[in-house]
PDB file of all heavy atoms in Angstrom:
ATOM      1  N   TRP A   1       6.325  20.694 -19.665  1.00  0.00           N
ATOM      2  CA  TRP A   1       5.354  21.780 -19.791  1.00  0.00           C
ATOM      3  C   TRP A   1       3.966  21.189 -19.580  1.00  0.00           C
ATOM      4  O   TRP A   1       3.606  20.167 -20.170  1.00  0.00           O
ATOM      5  CB  TRP A   1       5.442  22.444 -21.157  1.00  0.00           C
ATOM      6  CG  TRP A   1       6.455  23.545 -21.207  1.00  0.00           C
ATOM      7  CD1 TRP A   1       6.243  24.882 -21.024  1.00  0.00           C
ATOM      8  CD2 TRP A   1       7.874  23.408 -21.439  1.00  0.00           C
ATOM      9  NE1 TRP A   1       7.422  25.582 -21.121  1.00  0.00           N
ATOM     10  CE2 TRP A   1       8.440  24.706 -21.378  1.00  0.00           C
ATOM     11  CE3 TRP A   1       8.712  22.324 -21.687  1.00  0.00           C
ATOM     12  CZ2 TRP A   1       9.796  24.934 -21.567  1.00  0.00           C
ATOM     13  CZ3 TRP A   1      10.067  22.542 -21.869  1.00  0.00           C
ATOM     14  CH2 TRP A   1      10.602  23.835 -21.812  1.00  0.00           C
ATOM     15  N   SER A   2       3.176  21.845 -18.720  1.00  0.00           N
ATOM     16  CA  SER A   2       1.913  21.263 -18.293  1.00  0.00           C
ATOM     17  C   SER A   2       0.953  22.358 -17.847  1.00  0.00           C
ATOM     18  O   SER A   2       1.373  23.446 -17.445  1.00  0.00           O
ATOM     19  CB  SER A   2       2.183  20.296 -17.125  1.00  0.00           C
ATOM     20  OG  SER A   2       1.006  19.899 -16.490  1.00  0.00           O
ATOM     21  N   ASP A   3      -0.344  22.045 -17.922  1.00  0.00           N
ATOM     22  CA  ASP A   3      -1.364  22.943 -17.387  1.00  0.00           C
ATOM     23  C   ASP A   3      -2.276  22.140 -16.469  1.00  0.00           C
ATOM     24  O   ASP A   3      -2.677  21.020 -16.815  1.00  0.00           O
ATOM     25  CB  ASP A   3      -2.187  23.579 -18.513  1.00  0.00           C
ATOM     26  CG  ASP A   3      -3.115  24.688 -18.032  1.00  0.00           C
ATOM     27  OD1 ASP A   3      -3.076  25.040 -16.830  1.00  0.00           O
ATOM     28  OD2 ASP A   3      -3.882  25.214 -18.854  1.00  0.00           O
ATOM     29  N   ILE A   4      -2.602  22.676 -15.315  1.00  0.00           N
ATOM     30  CA  ILE A   4      -3.492  22.005 -14.375  1.00  0.00           C
ATOM     31  C   ILE A   4      -4.830  21.684 -15.028  1.00  0.00           C
ATOM     32  O   ILE A   4      -5.481  20.688 -14.705  1.00  0.00           O
ATOM     33  CB  ILE A   4      -3.734  22.895 -13.128  1.00  0.00           C
ATOM     34  CG1 ILE A   4      -2.412  23.223 -12.437  1.00  0.00           C
ATOM     35  CG2 ILE A   4      -4.674  22.205 -12.138  1.00  0.00           C
ATOM     36  CD1 ILE A   4      -1.605  22.026 -12.041  1.00  0.00           C
ATOM     37  N   MET A   5      -5.259  22.501 -15.983  1.00  0.00           N
ATOM     38  CA  MET A   5      -6.534  22.313 -16.651  1.00  0.00           C
ATOM     39  C   MET A   5      -6.501  21.199 -17.696  1.00  0.00           C
ATOM     40  O   MET A   5      -7.516  20.914 -18.328  1.00  0.00           O
ATOM     41  CB  MET A   5      -6.970  23.616 -17.333  1.00  0.00           C
ATOM     42  CG  MET A   5      -7.213  24.779 -16.389  1.00  0.00           C
ATOM     43  SD  MET A   5      -8.634  24.501 -15.288  1.00  0.00           S
ATOM     44  CE  MET A   5      -7.782  24.144 -13.740  1.00  0.00           C
ATOM     45  N   CYS A   6      -5.363  20.582 -17.894  1.00  0.00           N
ATOM     46  CA  CYS A   6      -5.186  19.564 -18.927  1.00  0.00           C
ATOM     47  C   CYS A   6      -5.240  18.165 -18.316  1.00  0.00           C
ATOM     48  O   CYS A   6      -4.292  17.744 -17.642  1.00  0.00           O
ATOM     49  CB  CYS A   6      -3.855  19.782 -19.645  1.00  0.00           C
ATOM     50  SG  CYS A   6      -3.329  18.398 -20.673  1.00  0.00           S
ATOM     51  N   PRO A   7      -6.322  17.412 -18.552  1.00  0.00           N
ATOM     52  CA  PRO A   7      -6.422  16.057 -17.983  1.00  0.00           C
ATOM     53  C   PRO A   7      -5.290  15.143 -18.426  1.00  0.00           C
ATOM     54  O   PRO A   7      -4.795  14.332 -17.641  1.00  0.00           O
ATOM     55  CB  PRO A   7      -7.775  15.561 -18.517  1.00  0.00           C
ATOM     56  CG  PRO A   7      -8.551  16.810 -18.817  1.00  0.00           C
ATOM     57  CD  PRO A   7      -7.537  17.800 -19.295  1.00  0.00           C
ATOM     58  N   TYR A   8      -4.875  15.261 -19.691  1.00  0.00           N
ATOM     59  CA  TYR A   8      -3.807  14.385 -20.173  1.00  0.00           C
ATOM     60  C   TYR A   8      -2.462  14.706 -19.515  1.00  0.00           C
ATOM     61  O   TYR A   8      -1.563  13.873 -19.513  1.00  0.00           O
ATOM     62  CB  TYR A   8      -3.693  14.470 -21.687  1.00  0.00           C
ATOM     63  CG  TYR A   8      -4.738  13.641 -22.397  1.00  0.00           C
ATOM     64  CD1 TYR A   8      -5.593  14.202 -23.332  1.00  0.00           C
ATOM     65  CD2 TYR A   8      -4.876  12.280 -22.119  1.00  0.00           C
ATOM     66  CE1 TYR A   8      -6.552  13.438 -23.976  1.00  0.00           C
ATOM     67  CE2 TYR A   8      -5.836  11.514 -22.753  1.00  0.00           C
ATOM     68  CZ  TYR A   8      -6.678  12.092 -23.681  1.00  0.00           C
ATOM     69  OH  TYR A   8      -7.632  11.335 -24.307  1.00  0.00           O
ATOM     70  N   CYS A   9      -2.324  15.903 -18.968  1.00  0.00           N
ATOM     71  CA  CYS A   9      -1.092  16.231 -18.249  1.00  0.00           C
ATOM     72  C   CYS A   9      -0.982  15.409 -16.962  1.00  0.00           C
ATOM     73  O   CYS A   9       0.119  14.993 -16.576  1.00  0.00           O
ATOM     74  CB  CYS A   9      -1.031  17.729 -17.938  1.00  0.00           C
ATOM     75  SG  CYS A   9      -0.796  18.773 -19.399  1.00  0.00           S
ATOM     76  N   TYR A  10      -2.114  15.181 -16.296  1.00  0.00           N
ATOM     77  CA  TYR A  10      -2.117  14.343 -15.094  1.00  0.00           C
ATOM     78  C   TYR A  10      -1.811  12.896 -15.472  1.00  0.00           C
ATOM     79  O   TYR A  10      -1.019  12.203 -14.813  1.00  0.00           O
ATOM     80  CB  TYR A  10      -3.471  14.448 -14.401  1.00  0.00           C
ATOM     81  CG  TYR A  10      -3.503  14.018 -12.948  1.00  0.00           C
ATOM     82  CD1 TYR A  10      -2.337  13.680 -12.254  1.00  0.00           C
ATOM     83  CD2 TYR A  10      -4.712  13.953 -12.267  1.00  0.00           C
ATOM     84  CE1 TYR A  10      -2.385  13.301 -10.920  1.00  0.00           C
ATOM     85  CE2 TYR A  10      -4.771  13.571 -10.935  1.00  0.00           C
ATOM     86  CZ  TYR A  10      -3.604  13.237 -10.258  1.00  0.00           C
ATOM     87  OH  TYR A  10      -3.662  12.860  -8.937  1.00  0.00           O
ATOM     88  N   ILE A  11      -2.427  12.430 -16.570  1.00  0.00           N
ATOM     89  CA  ILE A  11      -2.146  11.081 -17.050  1.00  0.00           C
ATOM     90  C   ILE A  11      -0.675  10.961 -17.442  1.00  0.00           C
ATOM     91  O   ILE A  11      -0.008   9.968 -17.134  1.00  0.00           O
ATOM     92  CB  ILE A  11      -3.065  10.741 -18.244  1.00  0.00           C
ATOM     93  CG1 ILE A  11      -4.530  10.702 -17.784  1.00  0.00           C
ATOM     94  CG2 ILE A  11      -2.667   9.407 -18.864  1.00  0.00           C
ATOM     95  CD1 ILE A  11      -5.537  10.571 -18.906  1.00  0.00           C
ATOM     96  N   GLY A  12      -0.158  11.996 -18.119  1.00  0.00           N
ATOM     97  CA  GLY A  12       1.248  11.991 -18.510  1.00  0.00           C
ATOM     98  C   GLY A  12       2.174  11.940 -17.310  1.00  0.00           C
ATOM     99  O   GLY A  12       3.233  11.297 -17.351  1.00  0.00           O
ATOM    100  N   LYS A  13       1.788  12.616 -16.233  1.00  0.00           N
ATOM    101  CA  LYS A  13       2.579  12.593 -15.007  1.00  0.00           C
ATOM    102  C   LYS A  13       2.673  11.161 -14.468  1.00  0.00           C
ATOM    103  O   LYS A  13       3.760  10.697 -14.085  1.00  0.00           O
ATOM    104  CB  LYS A  13       1.958  13.509 -13.954  1.00  0.00           C
ATOM    105  CG  LYS A  13       2.744  13.607 -12.645  1.00  0.00           C
ATOM    106  CD  LYS A  13       2.090  14.611 -11.693  1.00  0.00           C
ATOM    107  CE  LYS A  13       2.925  14.821 -10.436  1.00  0.00           C
ATOM    108  NZ  LYS A  13       3.010  13.622  -9.587  1.00  0.00           N
ATOM    109  N   ARG A  14       1.546  10.452 -14.452  1.00  0.00           N
ATOM    110  CA  ARG A  14       1.552   9.078 -13.976  1.00  0.00           C
ATOM    111  C   ARG A  14       2.402   8.177 -14.874  1.00  0.00           C
ATOM    112  O   ARG A  14       3.112   7.284 -14.397  1.00  0.00           O
ATOM    113  CB  ARG A  14       0.133   8.537 -13.912  1.00  0.00           C
ATOM    114  CG  ARG A  14      -0.602   8.856 -12.654  1.00  0.00           C
ATOM    115  CD  ARG A  14       0.040   8.201 -11.427  1.00  0.00           C
ATOM    116  NE  ARG A  14      -0.683   8.568 -10.229  1.00  0.00           N
ATOM    117  CZ  ARG A  14      -0.476   9.677  -9.536  1.00  0.00           C
ATOM    118  NH1 ARG A  14       0.474  10.532  -9.916  1.00  0.00           N
ATOM    119  NH2 ARG A  14      -1.181   9.947  -8.468  1.00  0.00           N
ATOM    120  N   ARG A  15       2.332   8.410 -16.173  1.00  0.00           N
ATOM    121  CA  ARG A  15       3.059   7.540 -17.097  1.00  0.00           C
ATOM    122  C   ARG A  15       4.565   7.773 -17.029  1.00  0.00           C
ATOM    123  O   ARG A  15       5.341   6.816 -17.092  1.00  0.00           O
ATOM    124  CB  ARG A  15       2.528   7.735 -18.521  1.00  0.00           C
ATOM    125  CG  ARG A  15       1.131   7.142 -18.702  1.00  0.00           C
ATOM    126  CD  ARG A  15       0.605   7.341 -20.094  1.00  0.00           C
ATOM    127  NE  ARG A  15      -0.713   6.726 -20.252  1.00  0.00           N
ATOM    128  CZ  ARG A  15      -1.483   6.882 -21.326  1.00  0.00           C
ATOM    129  NH1 ARG A  15      -1.075   7.626 -22.344  1.00  0.00           N
ATOM    130  NH2 ARG A  15      -2.659   6.288 -21.399  1.00  0.00           N
ATOM    131  N   ILE A  16       5.006   9.026 -16.883  1.00  0.00           N
ATOM    132  CA  ILE A  16       6.451   9.256 -16.762  1.00  0.00           C
ATOM    133  C   ILE A  16       6.939   8.707 -15.424  1.00  0.00           C
ATOM    134  O   ILE A  16       8.055   8.192 -15.327  1.00  0.00           O
ATOM    135  CB  ILE A  16       6.811  10.754 -16.928  1.00  0.00           C
ATOM    136  CG1 ILE A  16       8.332  10.930 -17.064  1.00  0.00           C
ATOM    137  CG2 ILE A  16       6.283  11.596 -15.779  1.00  0.00           C
ATOM    138  CD1 ILE A  16       8.921  10.362 -18.313  1.00  0.00           C
ATOM    139  N   GLU A  17       6.090   8.781 -14.399  1.00  0.00           N
ATOM    140  CA  GLU A  17       6.453   8.187 -13.108  1.00  0.00           C
ATOM    141  C   GLU A  17       6.568   6.667 -13.227  1.00  0.00           C
ATOM    142  O   GLU A  17       7.468   6.057 -12.639  1.00  0.00           O
ATOM    143  CB  GLU A  17       5.413   8.559 -12.051  1.00  0.00           C
ATOM    144  CG  GLU A  17       5.468  10.026 -11.638  1.00  0.00           C
ATOM    145  CD  GLU A  17       4.288  10.464 -10.798  1.00  0.00           C
ATOM    146  OE1 GLU A  17       3.272   9.723 -10.737  1.00  0.00           O
ATOM    147  OE2 GLU A  17       4.349  11.558 -10.209  1.00  0.00           O
ATOM    148  N   GLY A  18       5.659   6.064 -14.008  1.00  0.00           N
ATOM    149  CA  GLY A  18       5.733   4.629 -14.232  1.00  0.00           C
ATOM    150  C   GLY A  18       6.998   4.244 -14.971  1.00  0.00           C
ATOM    151  O   GLY A  18       7.627   3.219 -14.671  1.00  0.00           O
ATOM    152  N   ALA A  19       7.390   5.080 -15.938  1.00  0.00           N
ATOM    153  CA  ALA A  19       8.622   4.829 -16.695  1.00  0.00           C
ATOM    154  C   ALA A  19       9.841   4.946 -15.789  1.00  0.00           C
ATOM    155  O   ALA A  19      10.762   4.126 -15.858  1.00  0.00           O
ATOM    156  CB  ALA A  19       8.726   5.803 -17.864  1.00  0.00           C
ATOM    157  N   LEU A  20       9.853   5.953 -14.941  1.00  0.00           N
ATOM    158  CA  LEU A  20      10.984   6.144 -14.036  1.00  0.00           C
ATOM    159  C   LEU A  20      11.120   4.978 -13.062  1.00  0.00           C
ATOM    160  O   LEU A  20      12.230   4.609 -12.668  1.00  0.00           O
ATOM    161  CB  LEU A  20      10.833   7.462 -13.273  1.00  0.00           C
ATOM    162  CG  LEU A  20      11.075   8.729 -14.098  1.00  0.00           C
ATOM    163  CD1 LEU A  20      10.664   9.968 -13.315  1.00  0.00           C
ATOM    164  CD2 LEU A  20      12.544   8.827 -14.505  1.00  0.00           C
ATOM    165  N   ALA A  21       9.992   4.380 -12.680  1.00  0.00           N
ATOM    166  CA  ALA A  21      10.030   3.235 -11.775  1.00  0.00           C
ATOM    167  C   ALA A  21      10.748   2.046 -12.414  1.00  0.00           C
ATOM    168  O   ALA A  21      11.301   1.192 -11.710  1.00  0.00           O
ATOM    169  CB  ALA A  21       8.619   2.836 -11.367  1.00  0.00           C
ATOM    170  N   GLU A  22      10.759   2.012 -13.755  1.00  0.00           N
ATOM    171  CA  GLU A  22      11.415   0.922 -14.481  1.00  0.00           C
ATOM    172  C   GLU A  22      12.834   1.288 -14.943  1.00  0.00           C
ATOM    173  O   GLU A  22      13.534   0.442 -15.501  1.00  0.00           O
ATOM    174  CB  GLU A  22      10.583   0.531 -15.707  1.00  0.00           C
ATOM    175  CG  GLU A  22       9.188   0.018 -15.380  1.00  0.00           C
ATOM    176  CD  GLU A  22       8.411  -0.367 -16.618  1.00  0.00           C
ATOM    177  OE1 GLU A  22       9.045  -0.563 -17.680  1.00  0.00           O
ATOM    178  OE2 GLU A  22       7.173  -0.454 -16.536  1.00  0.00           O
ATOM    179  N   PHE A  23      13.221   2.533 -14.713  1.00  0.00           N
ATOM    180  CA  PHE A  23      14.502   3.029 -15.226  1.00  0.00           C
ATOM    181  C   PHE A  23      15.603   2.812 -14.193  1.00  0.00           C
ATOM    182  O   PHE A  23      15.475   3.223 -13.032  1.00  0.00           O
ATOM    183  CB  PHE A  23      14.357   4.522 -15.561  1.00  0.00           C
ATOM    184  CG  PHE A  23      15.546   5.142 -16.203  1.00  0.00           C
ATOM    185  CD1 PHE A  23      16.128   4.599 -17.337  1.00  0.00           C
ATOM    186  CD2 PHE A  23      16.098   6.307 -15.683  1.00  0.00           C
ATOM    187  CE1 PHE A  23      17.229   5.182 -17.940  1.00  0.00           C
ATOM    188  CE2 PHE A  23      17.189   6.911 -16.276  1.00  0.00           C
ATOM    189  CZ  PHE A  23      17.761   6.342 -17.406  1.00  0.00           C
ATOM    190  N   ASN A  24      16.670   2.173 -14.601  1.00  0.00           N
ATOM    191  CA  ASN A  24      17.734   1.810 -13.658  1.00  0.00           C
ATOM    192  C   ASN A  24      18.425   3.013 -13.015  1.00  0.00           C
ATOM    193  O   ASN A  24      19.032   2.886 -11.952  1.00  0.00           O
ATOM    194  CB  ASN A  24      18.784   0.942 -14.367  1.00  0.00           C
ATOM    195  CG  ASN A  24      18.259  -0.436 -14.709  1.00  0.00           C
ATOM    196  OD1 ASN A  24      17.361  -0.947 -14.045  1.00  0.00           O
ATOM    197  ND2 ASN A  24      18.801  -1.038 -15.760  1.00  0.00           N
ATOM    198  N   HIS A  25      18.359   4.176 -13.670  1.00  0.00           N
ATOM    199  CA  HIS A  25      19.054   5.366 -13.161  1.00  0.00           C
ATOM    200  C   HIS A  25      18.070   6.418 -12.643  1.00  0.00           C
ATOM    201  O   HIS A  25      18.353   7.614 -12.695  1.00  0.00           O
ATOM    202  CB  HIS A  25      19.942   5.949 -14.259  1.00  0.00           C
ATOM    203  CG  HIS A  25      20.857   4.953 -14.895  1.00  0.00           C
ATOM    204  ND1 HIS A  25      22.006   4.507 -14.282  1.00  0.00           N
ATOM    205  CD2 HIS A  25      20.768   4.286 -16.076  1.00  0.00           C
ATOM    206  CE1 HIS A  25      22.606   3.622 -15.070  1.00  0.00           C
ATOM    207  NE2 HIS A  25      21.881   3.469 -16.161  1.00  0.00           N
ATOM    208  N   LYS A  26      16.923   5.968 -12.148  1.00  0.00           N
ATOM    209  CA  LYS A  26      15.880   6.907 -11.732  1.00  0.00           C
ATOM    210  C   LYS A  26      16.345   7.870 -10.648  1.00  0.00           C
ATOM    211  O   LYS A  26      15.849   8.999 -10.557  1.00  0.00           O
ATOM    212  CB  LYS A  26      14.639   6.154 -11.253  1.00  0.00           C
ATOM    213  CG  LYS A  26      14.835   5.225 -10.085  1.00  0.00           C
ATOM    214  CD  LYS A  26      13.520   4.544  -9.710  1.00  0.00           C
ATOM    215  CE  LYS A  26      13.699   3.545  -8.578  1.00  0.00           C
ATOM    216  NZ  LYS A  26      14.518   2.377  -9.000  1.00  0.00           N
ATOM    217  N   ASP A  27      17.311   7.453  -9.834  1.00  0.00           N
ATOM    218  CA  ASP A  27      17.805   8.328  -8.772  1.00  0.00           C
ATOM    219  C   ASP A  27      18.676   9.464  -9.309  1.00  0.00           C
ATOM    220  O   ASP A  27      19.060  10.363  -8.562  1.00  0.00           O
ATOM    221  CB  ASP A  27      18.602   7.522  -7.745  1.00  0.00           C
ATOM    222  CG  ASP A  27      17.724   6.550  -6.969  1.00  0.00           C
ATOM    223  OD1 ASP A  27      16.511   6.821  -6.861  1.00  0.00           O
ATOM    224  OD2 ASP A  27      18.245   5.533  -6.481  1.00  0.00           O
ATOM    225  N   GLN A  28      19.005   9.379 -10.598  1.00  0.00           N
ATOM    226  CA  GLN A  28      19.815  10.424 -11.221  1.00  0.00           C
ATOM    227  C   GLN A  28      19.013  11.224 -12.242  1.00  0.00           C
ATOM    228  O   GLN A  28      19.553  11.803 -13.170  1.00  0.00           O
ATOM    229  CB  GLN A  28      21.054   9.792 -11.872  1.00  0.00           C
ATOM    230  CG  GLN A  28      22.049   9.243 -10.847  1.00  0.00           C
ATOM    231  CD  GLN A  28      23.140   8.420 -11.490  1.00  0.00           C
ATOM    232  OE1 GLN A  28      23.026   7.208 -11.643  1.00  0.00           O
ATOM    233  NE2 GLN A  28      24.214   9.083 -11.883  1.00  0.00           N
ATOM    234  N   VAL A  29      17.703  11.252 -12.038  1.00  0.00           N
ATOM    235  CA  VAL A  29      16.803  12.024 -12.900  1.00  0.00           C
ATOM    236  C   VAL A  29      16.226  13.198 -12.119  1.00  0.00           C
ATOM    237  O   VAL A  29      15.769  13.041 -10.990  1.00  0.00           O
ATOM    238  CB  VAL A  29      15.657  11.148 -13.442  1.00  0.00           C
ATOM    239  CG1 VAL A  29      14.659  11.997 -14.229  1.00  0.00           C
ATOM    240  CG2 VAL A  29      16.204  10.031 -14.324  1.00  0.00           C
ATOM    241  N   GLU A  30      16.277  14.354 -12.735  1.00  0.00           N
ATOM    242  CA  GLU A  30      15.699  15.568 -12.138  1.00  0.00           C
ATOM    243  C   GLU A  30      14.545  16.034 -13.020  1.00  0.00           C
ATOM    244  O   GLU A  30      14.688  16.145 -14.236  1.00  0.00           O
ATOM    245  CB  GLU A  30      16.755  16.675 -12.051  1.00  0.00           C
ATOM    246  CG  GLU A  30      16.206  18.019 -11.578  1.00  0.00           C
ATOM    247  CD  GLU A  30      17.212  19.141 -11.728  1.00  0.00           C
ATOM    248  OE1 GLU A  30      18.394  18.853 -12.016  1.00  0.00           O
ATOM    249  OE2 GLU A  30      16.807  20.313 -11.587  1.00  0.00           O
ATOM    250  N   ILE A  31      13.400  16.295 -12.402  1.00  0.00           N
ATOM    251  CA  ILE A  31      12.233  16.788 -13.144  1.00  0.00           C
ATOM    252  C   ILE A  31      11.984  18.248 -12.803  1.00  0.00           C
ATOM    253  O   ILE A  31      11.957  18.631 -11.635  1.00  0.00           O
ATOM    254  CB  ILE A  31      10.981  15.952 -12.822  1.00  0.00           C
ATOM    255  CG1 ILE A  31      11.123  14.539 -13.391  1.00  0.00           C
ATOM    256  CG2 ILE A  31       9.728  16.618 -13.396  1.00  0.00           C
ATOM    257  CD1 ILE A  31       9.949  13.639 -13.118  1.00  0.00           C
ATOM    258  N   GLU A  32      11.811  19.045 -13.845  1.00  0.00           N
ATOM    259  CA  GLU A  32      11.458  20.451 -13.670  1.00  0.00           C
ATOM    260  C   GLU A  32      10.124  20.717 -14.371  1.00  0.00           C
ATOM    261  O   GLU A  32       9.988  20.515 -15.573  1.00  0.00           O
ATOM    262  CB  GLU A  32      12.526  21.377 -14.263  1.00  0.00           C
ATOM    263  CG  GLU A  32      12.176  22.853 -14.111  1.00  0.00           C
ATOM    264  CD  GLU A  32      13.157  23.780 -14.805  1.00  0.00           C
ATOM    265  OE1 GLU A  32      14.008  23.279 -15.569  1.00  0.00           O
ATOM    266  OE2 GLU A  32      13.065  25.001 -14.600  1.00  0.00           O
ATOM    267  N   TRP A  33       9.150  21.159 -13.598  1.00  0.00           N
ATOM    268  CA  TRP A  33       7.840  21.461 -14.158  1.00  0.00           C
ATOM    269  C   TRP A  33       7.823  22.886 -14.719  1.00  0.00           C
ATOM    270  O   TRP A  33       8.313  23.815 -14.085  1.00  0.00           O
ATOM    271  CB  TRP A  33       6.754  21.305 -13.100  1.00  0.00           C
ATOM    272  CG  TRP A  33       6.510  19.872 -12.741  1.00  0.00           C
ATOM    273  CD1 TRP A  33       7.096  19.162 -11.734  1.00  0.00           C
ATOM    274  CD2 TRP A  33       5.639  18.963 -13.412  1.00  0.00           C
ATOM    275  NE1 TRP A  33       6.646  17.874 -11.728  1.00  0.00           N
ATOM    276  CE2 TRP A  33       5.748  17.715 -12.749  1.00  0.00           C
ATOM    277  CE3 TRP A  33       4.779  19.076 -14.499  1.00  0.00           C
ATOM    278  CZ2 TRP A  33       5.024  16.592 -13.141  1.00  0.00           C
ATOM    279  CZ3 TRP A  33       4.049  17.961 -14.898  1.00  0.00           C
ATOM    280  CH2 TRP A  33       4.178  16.740 -14.227  1.00  0.00           C
ATOM    281  N   LYS A  34       7.236  23.025 -15.905  1.00  0.00           N
ATOM    282  CA  LYS A  34       7.145  24.308 -16.585  1.00  0.00           C
ATOM    283  C   LYS A  34       5.677  24.678 -16.784  1.00  0.00           C
ATOM    284  O   LYS A  34       4.833  23.829 -17.083  1.00  0.00           O
ATOM    285  CB  LYS A  34       7.833  24.244 -17.949  1.00  0.00           C
ATOM    286  CG  LYS A  34       9.351  24.040 -17.887  1.00  0.00           C
ATOM    287  CD  LYS A  34      10.045  25.329 -17.504  1.00  0.00           C
ATOM    288  CE  LYS A  34      11.545  25.252 -17.715  1.00  0.00           C
ATOM    289  NZ  LYS A  34      12.205  26.528 -17.344  1.00  0.00           N
ATOM    290  N   SER A  35       5.383  25.963 -16.663  1.00  0.00           N
ATOM    291  CA  SER A  35       4.007  26.436 -16.794  1.00  0.00           C
ATOM    292  C   SER A  35       3.565  26.538 -18.247  1.00  0.00           C
ATOM    293  O   SER A  35       4.351  26.886 -19.135  1.00  0.00           O
ATOM    294  CB  SER A  35       3.860  27.812 -16.141  1.00  0.00           C
ATOM    295  OG  SER A  35       4.134  27.747 -14.764  1.00  0.00           O
ATOM    296  N   PHE A  36       2.287  26.236 -18.467  1.00  0.00           N
ATOM    297  CA  PHE A  36       1.648  26.395 -19.773  1.00  0.00           C
ATOM    298  C   PHE A  36       0.172  26.639 -19.505  1.00  0.00           C
ATOM    299  O   PHE A  36      -0.393  26.082 -18.566  1.00  0.00           O
ATOM    300  CB  PHE A  36       1.833  25.125 -20.613  1.00  0.00           C
ATOM    301  CG  PHE A  36       1.433  25.281 -22.058  1.00  0.00           C
ATOM    302  CD1 PHE A  36       2.368  25.673 -23.000  1.00  0.00           C
ATOM    303  CD2 PHE A  36       0.130  25.042 -22.468  1.00  0.00           C
ATOM    304  CE1 PHE A  36       2.017  25.819 -24.337  1.00  0.00           C
ATOM    305  CE2 PHE A  36      -0.241  25.175 -23.796  1.00  0.00           C
ATOM    306  CZ  PHE A  36       0.706  25.568 -24.737  1.00  0.00           C
TER     307      PHE A  36
END
């Protein structure tokens, strides 16, 4: 859940992407964005 007006949502996007880069099963992860 995210809002374009939320700066920390953009930071959070980068951090979850960084985590996925370190995750051995990243190719088996599906992300669904939800409006807020």
